[in-house]
């Protein structure tokens, strides 16, 4: 999904040429090859960190260890209508640190018991808001 969004938002076929023509990037990279590798590394790091942050909210990845929940977990993650990994959001956060959302008290860490529960709760709250309840 992220790749298809990227293709829709930008025609990135010429990204390597754009990097070659960017004197700032070339100066930082030293060589054309290092400049390309830095760009790829920056993009991949952003995509992977955002993806991990998204799927591990409230210790959601721990639920994947449960064999009974694995197939459901994967179905929810693959469903573009439920899990909305947004390329534009990743691109905007490219140089930011990514913090995984967890809530804990001094004694107890809290985590979800249902895969991607925050997405379902958000959808339910949205329905209540639009219906005026």
Protein backbone atom coordinates (compact mmCIF):
# COMPACT_ATOMS: atom_id res chain seq x y z
CA UNK A 1 0.00 0.00 0.00
CA UNK A 2 2.77 2.43 0.89
CA UNK A 3 4.51 1.90 -2.44
CA UNK A 4 1.31 2.46 -4.41
CA UNK A 5 0.64 5.67 -2.44
CA UNK A 6 4.15 6.85 -3.15
CA UNK A 7 3.67 6.29 -6.87
CA UNK A 8 0.38 8.18 -6.79
CA UNK A 9 1.78 11.16 -4.88
CA UNK A 10 4.99 11.62 -6.80
CA UNK A 11 6.53 10.42 -9.98
CA UNK A 12 9.71 9.21 -8.29
CA UNK A 13 11.26 7.48 -11.29
CA UNK A 14 13.91 10.19 -11.50
CA UNK A 15 14.85 10.26 -7.81
CA UNK A 16 18.40 9.02 -8.51
CA UNK A 17 18.93 11.77 -11.08
CA UNK A 18 17.49 14.33 -8.67
CA UNK A 19 19.97 13.19 -6.03
CA UNK A 20 22.81 13.44 -8.56
CA UNK A 21 21.82 17.03 -9.37
CA UNK A 22 21.51 18.05 -5.71
CA UNK A 23 24.86 19.62 -4.74
CA UNK A 24 23.99 19.55 -1.02
CA UNK A 25 23.31 15.79 -1.07
CA UNK A 26 26.45 15.10 -3.09
CA UNK A 27 28.53 17.20 -0.73
CA UNK A 28 27.20 15.32 2.30
CA UNK A 29 27.54 11.90 0.66
CA UNK A 30 30.95 12.50 -0.83
CA UNK A 31 30.30 10.27 -3.83
CA UNK A 32 27.27 9.60 -5.97
CA UNK A 33 27.05 6.02 -4.68
CA UNK A 34 27.20 7.14 -1.03
CA UNK A 35 24.57 9.79 -1.75
CA UNK A 36 22.19 7.17 -3.19
CA UNK A 37 22.86 4.77 -0.32
CA UNK A 38 22.16 7.51 2.23
CA UNK A 39 18.86 8.35 0.51
CA UNK A 40 17.80 4.69 0.40
CA UNK A 41 18.84 4.21 4.03
CA UNK A 42 16.89 7.31 5.13
CA UNK A 43 13.75 6.22 3.29
CA UNK A 44 13.88 2.59 4.44
CA UNK A 45 14.58 3.58 8.02
CA UNK A 46 11.59 5.93 7.97
CA UNK A 47 9.25 3.33 6.48
CA UNK A 48 10.34 0.55 8.82
CA UNK A 49 10.31 2.64 11.99
CA UNK A 50 6.87 4.09 11.20
CA UNK A 51 5.52 0.63 10.39
CA UNK A 52 6.86 -0.83 13.65
CA UNK A 53 5.51 2.14 15.60
CA UNK A 54 2.11 1.68 13.97
CA UNK A 55 1.76 -2.06 14.50
CA UNK A 56 3.27 -2.16 18.00
CA UNK A 57 1.06 0.43 19.69
CA UNK A 58 -0.10 -0.86 23.05
CA UNK A 59 2.23 -3.90 22.63
CA UNK A 60 0.20 -5.11 19.66
CA UNK A 61 3.11 -7.15 18.27
CA UNK A 62 3.03 -9.33 21.40
CA UNK A 63 -0.40 -10.55 20.29
CA UNK A 64 1.14 -11.95 17.12
CA UNK A 65 2.94 -14.55 19.26
CA UNK A 66 -0.43 -16.14 20.11
CA UNK A 67 -1.03 -18.78 17.41
CA UNK A 68 -4.80 -18.38 17.80
CA UNK A 69 -4.58 -14.69 16.87
CA UNK A 70 -1.91 -14.77 14.16
CA UNK A 71 -4.22 -15.19 11.16
CA UNK A 72 -6.64 -12.54 12.43
CA UNK A 73 -3.73 -10.19 13.19
CA UNK A 74 -2.41 -10.60 9.64
CA UNK A 75 -5.86 -10.13 8.07
CA UNK A 76 -6.35 -6.86 9.95
CA UNK A 77 -2.85 -5.66 9.08
CA UNK A 78 -3.33 -6.43 5.38
CA UNK A 79 -6.73 -4.74 5.20
CA UNK A 80 -6.20 -1.25 3.75
CA UNK A 81 -9.59 -0.11 5.05
CA UNK A 82 -8.55 -0.83 8.65
CA UNK A 83 -4.78 -0.33 8.77
CA UNK A 84 -3.96 2.90 7.05
CA UNK A 85 -0.21 3.26 6.71
CA UNK A 86 0.09 6.63 5.04
CA UNK A 87 3.07 7.38 2.79
CA UNK A 88 2.60 11.15 3.15
CA UNK A 89 2.78 10.86 6.94
CA UNK A 90 5.95 8.78 6.68
CA UNK A 91 7.53 11.27 4.29
CA UNK A 92 6.74 14.17 6.65
CA UNK A 93 8.26 12.32 9.62
CA UNK A 94 11.39 11.28 7.74
CA UNK A 95 13.94 12.86 10.09
CA UNK A 96 11.99 12.58 13.34
CA UNK A 97 12.41 10.10 16.12
CA UNK A 98 9.55 7.62 16.31
CA UNK A 99 8.09 6.80 19.71
CA UNK A 100 5.96 3.69 20.09
CA UNK A 101 2.77 4.44 22.05
CA UNK A 102 2.48 2.50 25.27
CA UNK A 103 0.70 3.36 28.46
CA UNK A 104 2.03 2.19 31.78
CA UNK A 105 1.79 2.98 35.45
CA UNK A 106 4.60 2.60 37.94
CA UNK A 107 3.75 -1.06 38.59
CA UNK A 108 1.88 -2.32 35.56
CA UNK A 109 2.36 -1.95 31.82
CA UNK A 110 -0.89 -1.83 29.89
CA UNK A 111 -1.32 -3.49 26.55
CA UNK A 112 -4.13 -4.41 24.19
CA UNK A 113 -5.70 -7.85 24.30
CA UNK A 114 -7.31 -7.61 20.88
CA UNK A 115 -5.23 -7.03 17.72
CA UNK A 116 -5.27 -3.42 16.56
CA UNK A 117 -7.89 -2.57 19.16
CA UNK A 118 -7.12 1.17 18.99
CA UNK A 119 -8.18 1.20 15.32
CA UNK A 120 -11.53 -0.40 16.09
CA UNK A 121 -12.07 1.91 19.08
CA UNK A 122 -11.27 4.93 16.92
CA UNK A 123 -13.80 3.81 14.30
CA UNK A 124 -16.47 3.26 16.96
CA UNK A 125 -15.78 6.65 18.56
CA UNK A 126 -15.99 8.25 15.11
CA UNK A 127 -19.43 6.68 14.59
CA UNK A 128 -20.62 8.03 17.95
CA UNK A 129 -19.29 11.48 17.09
CA UNK A 130 -20.97 11.61 13.69
CA UNK A 131 -24.26 10.28 15.06
CA UNK A 132 -24.29 12.83 17.89
CA UNK A 133 -24.34 10.30 20.72
